[in-house]
Amino acid sequence: MTETTDALVLDLVEWVAREPRPYAEVIETWRTSCPRLTIWEDAVDRGYVARQPVEGLGVRVAITECGKNFLREHGRAN
């Protein structure tokens, strides 16, 4: 990963850490058509965020324990 990509993954994880987000909102905000900027996919693949079904609300995206550690390692923990 490049520094730019790492920084954007960190931004995404920090944004989701503030509150679980609806999946549609995350995809609308973070999806990209640029094959070099796979921020959403990288965050999921690295285990920093996960989709979670919520009854009556659909699918939410929340930070994982691994994502919390990632934020702490970069001085962005809550």
Protein backbone atom coordinates (compact mmCIF):
# COMPACT_ATOMS: atom_id res chain seq x y z
CA MET A 1 0.00 0.00 0.00
CA THR A 2 1.09 3.54 -0.61
CA GLU A 3 1.21 6.26 2.02
CA THR A 4 -1.79 7.93 0.37
CA THR A 5 -3.83 4.74 0.47
CA ASP A 6 -2.84 4.03 4.08
CA ALA A 7 -3.84 7.55 5.09
CA LEU A 8 -7.22 7.19 3.39
CA VAL A 9 -7.84 3.79 5.01
CA LEU A 10 -7.04 5.42 8.35
CA ASP A 11 -9.53 8.22 7.57
CA LEU A 12 -12.24 5.70 6.67
CA VAL A 13 -11.70 3.65 9.82
CA GLU A 14 -11.74 6.79 11.97
CA TRP A 15 -14.96 7.97 10.29
CA VAL A 16 -16.70 4.63 10.94
CA ALA A 17 -15.37 4.60 14.53
CA ARG A 18 -17.39 7.73 15.33
CA GLU A 19 -20.59 5.73 14.84
CA PRO A 20 -21.69 2.67 12.87
CA ARG A 21 -22.79 3.78 9.42
CA PRO A 22 -25.38 2.38 7.03
CA TYR A 23 -23.66 0.27 4.39
CA ALA A 24 -25.19 2.35 1.58
CA GLU A 25 -23.74 5.55 3.08
CA VAL A 26 -20.26 4.01 3.38
CA ILE A 27 -20.29 2.73 -0.18
CA GLU A 28 -21.63 6.02 -1.54
CA THR A 29 -18.95 7.97 0.31
CA TRP A 30 -15.93 5.69 -0.08
CA ARG A 31 -16.41 3.71 -3.28
CA THR A 32 -14.12 4.70 -6.10
CA SER A 33 -13.84 3.72 -9.72
CA CYS A 34 -10.05 4.13 -9.60
CA PRO A 35 -8.47 0.66 -9.38
CA ARG A 36 -5.51 2.10 -7.46
CA LEU A 37 -7.70 3.52 -4.70
CA THR A 38 -9.40 0.54 -3.12
CA ILE A 39 -9.94 2.18 0.26
CA TRP A 40 -13.17 0.41 1.21
CA GLU A 41 -11.90 -2.96 0.03
CA ASP A 42 -8.56 -2.50 1.83
CA ALA A 43 -10.26 -1.61 5.12
CA VAL A 44 -12.49 -4.69 4.88
CA ASP A 45 -9.70 -7.01 3.72
CA ARG A 46 -7.46 -5.89 6.58
CA GLY A 47 -10.27 -6.52 9.07
CA TYR A 48 -10.63 -2.92 10.25
CA VAL A 49 -14.35 -2.62 9.50
CA ALA A 50 -17.12 -5.17 9.03
CA ARG A 51 -20.68 -5.31 7.74
CA GLN A 52 -23.25 -6.25 10.36
CA PRO A 53 -26.94 -6.95 9.75
CA VAL A 54 -29.17 -4.94 12.10
CA GLU A 55 -32.80 -6.00 12.34
CA GLY A 56 -35.07 -3.34 10.90
CA LEU A 57 -32.16 -1.16 9.78
CA GLY A 58 -30.46 -3.25 7.13
CA VAL A 59 -26.69 -3.59 7.03
CA ARG A 60 -24.42 -1.37 9.10
CA VAL A 61 -20.66 -0.96 8.91
CA ALA A 62 -18.84 -0.89 12.23
CA ILE A 63 -15.25 -0.80 13.37
CA THR A 64 -13.69 -4.05 14.56
CA GLU A 65 -11.26 -4.66 17.40
CA CYS A 66 -8.49 -4.78 14.79
CA GLY A 67 -9.67 -1.40 13.50
CA LYS A 68 -9.55 0.05 17.02
CA ASN A 69 -5.97 -1.19 17.36
CA PHE A 70 -5.12 0.35 13.98
CA LEU A 71 -6.42 3.74 15.17
CA ARG A 72 -4.51 3.48 18.45
CA GLU A 73 -1.29 2.63 16.62
CA HIS A 74 -1.68 5.82 14.59
CA GLY A 75 -2.67 8.09 17.48
CA ARG A 76 -6.30 8.39 16.45
CA ALA A 77 -8.02 6.34 19.14
CA ASN A 78 -11.13 7.78 20.78
